Amino acid sequence: MRFAFVLTAALALALAVVVFAADVAGTWKGTLETPMGPMENTIVLAADGASLTGSVKTDFFEAKLDNGKLDGDKVSFEINIEFGKLVYEGTVAGDDLKLNVTGPDGSKIPLNAKRQK
């Protein structure tokens, strides 16, 4: 009897996470203001429960997402490019994706992207 209760509670919790996860699927575009000037970013995201997949493309590189996670409205993922790892962390609300991008040197740059329709 106790096992059935625990199993039911676990399933309900898992379902709640899926129900309350933000909708991040789609193509997002925004500009990253780097020390070298503005860099347009196109981010393609797909969610499977709490797991994110996709890619980031700029004029200088294109990379697949690593360690993509979705927790409610919180989004995080990494990409590995020639000069190191970039970590993207932030929130999604409707058609707005607000991220901080941490570079290999630890510097953080904001990136605000809009969902493309």
Protein backbone atom coordinates (compact mmCIF):
# COMPACT_ATOMS: atom_id res chain seq x y z
CA MET A 1 0.00 0.00 0.00
CA ARG A 2 2.78 2.42 0.92
CA PHE A 3 4.62 1.63 -2.35
CA ALA A 4 1.50 2.49 -4.35
CA PHE A 5 1.23 5.84 -2.57
CA VAL A 6 4.90 6.67 -3.19
CA LEU A 7 4.61 5.65 -6.85
CA THR A 8 1.46 7.76 -7.30
CA ALA A 9 3.10 10.77 -5.64
CA ALA A 10 6.22 10.42 -7.80
CA LEU A 11 4.14 10.23 -10.99
CA ALA A 12 2.10 13.27 -9.95
CA LEU A 13 5.28 15.25 -9.28
CA ALA A 14 6.79 14.26 -12.63
CA LEU A 15 3.60 15.29 -14.40
CA ALA A 16 3.54 18.61 -12.56
CA VAL A 17 7.06 19.40 -13.75
CA VAL A 18 6.02 18.78 -17.35
CA VAL A 19 2.80 20.79 -16.96
CA PHE A 20 4.50 23.80 -15.36
CA ALA A 21 7.55 23.86 -17.64
CA ALA A 22 7.67 26.92 -19.85
CA ASP A 23 7.19 26.60 -23.59
CA VAL A 24 10.65 27.22 -25.08
CA ALA A 25 10.31 25.37 -28.37
CA GLY A 26 11.11 27.43 -31.42
CA THR A 27 13.59 29.81 -32.95
CA TRP A 28 14.82 32.78 -30.92
CA LYS A 29 16.82 35.78 -32.15
CA GLY A 30 18.75 38.36 -30.16
CA THR A 31 21.90 40.47 -30.15
CA LEU A 32 24.83 39.87 -27.83
CA GLU A 33 26.82 43.08 -27.21
CA THR A 34 30.40 41.78 -27.16
CA PRO A 35 33.66 43.74 -26.77
CA MET A 36 34.12 43.16 -30.53
CA GLY A 37 30.71 44.64 -31.32
CA PRO A 38 27.16 43.30 -31.66
CA MET A 39 26.76 39.61 -32.49
CA GLU A 40 23.40 38.34 -33.75
CA ASN A 41 22.39 35.01 -32.20
CA THR A 42 19.85 32.55 -33.54
CA ILE A 43 18.94 29.97 -30.92
CA VAL A 44 16.84 26.93 -31.83
CA LEU A 45 15.35 25.11 -28.85
CA ALA A 46 13.32 21.93 -28.38
CA ALA A 47 12.22 20.53 -25.02
CA ASP A 48 11.61 16.95 -23.98
CA GLY A 49 10.40 17.26 -20.41
CA ALA A 50 13.23 18.93 -18.47
CA SER A 51 15.80 18.32 -21.21
CA LEU A 52 16.67 20.93 -23.86
CA THR A 53 18.24 20.30 -27.24
CA GLY A 54 19.02 22.60 -30.12
CA SER A 55 21.71 24.90 -31.45
CA VAL A 56 23.16 28.41 -31.38
CA LYS A 57 24.25 30.11 -34.61
CA THR A 58 26.07 33.40 -35.18
CA ASP A 59 28.07 34.84 -38.07
CA PHE A 60 31.17 33.30 -36.46
CA PHE A 61 30.10 29.84 -35.28
CA GLU A 62 27.34 27.27 -35.02
CA ALA A 63 27.19 24.77 -32.17
CA LYS A 64 24.84 22.18 -30.70
CA LEU A 65 23.59 22.56 -27.13
CA ASP A 66 25.13 20.54 -24.32
CA ASN A 67 23.63 20.02 -20.84
CA GLY A 68 20.36 21.73 -21.80
CA LYS A 69 17.88 22.00 -18.91
CA LEU A 70 14.43 23.45 -18.38
CA ASP A 71 13.13 23.91 -14.82
CA GLY A 72 9.84 25.82 -14.80
CA ASP A 73 10.75 29.12 -16.45
CA LYS A 74 14.51 28.65 -15.91
CA VAL A 75 16.62 27.75 -18.94
CA SER A 76 20.27 26.71 -19.05
CA PHE A 77 22.58 25.19 -21.64
CA GLU A 78 26.18 25.23 -22.82
CA ILE A 79 27.92 25.28 -26.16
CA ASN A 80 31.52 24.42 -26.93
CA ILE A 81 33.22 26.49 -29.61
CA GLU A 82 36.81 26.94 -30.78
CA PHE A 83 37.81 29.41 -28.03
CA GLY A 84 36.01 27.64 -25.17
CA LYS A 85 32.71 26.95 -23.47
CA LEU A 86 29.84 29.45 -23.34
CA VAL A 87 27.20 28.98 -20.64
CA TYR A 88 23.69 30.38 -21.22
CA GLU A 89 21.39 30.80 -18.18
CA GLY A 90 18.17 32.70 -17.76
CA THR A 91 14.40 32.69 -17.94
CA VAL A 92 11.67 32.43 -20.51
CA ALA A 93 8.34 34.28 -20.35
CA GLY A 94 6.06 33.97 -23.35
CA ASP A 95 8.03 35.15 -26.38
CA ASP A 96 10.89 36.67 -24.34
CA LEU A 97 14.07 34.76 -23.51
CA LYS A 98 16.38 36.64 -21.11
CA LEU A 99 19.79 35.06 -20.76
CA ASN A 100 23.21 35.77 -19.30
CA VAL A 101 26.03 34.32 -21.38
CA THR A 102 29.17 33.46 -19.42
CA GLY A 103 32.34 33.30 -21.51
CA PRO A 104 35.45 31.18 -20.99
CA ASP A 105 37.02 34.02 -18.96
CA GLY A 106 34.01 34.22 -16.59
CA SER A 107 32.63 37.47 -18.00
CA LYS A 108 28.82 37.69 -18.30
CA ILE A 109 26.96 39.42 -21.10
CA PRO A 110 23.14 39.76 -21.23
CA LEU A 111 21.27 38.40 -24.24
CA ASN A 112 17.60 39.20 -24.73
CA ALA A 113 16.01 37.15 -27.50
CA LYS A 114 12.54 37.11 -29.04
CA ARG A 115 10.72 34.04 -30.34
CA GLN A 116 10.38 34.18 -34.12
CA LYS A 117 6.93 33.53 -35.53
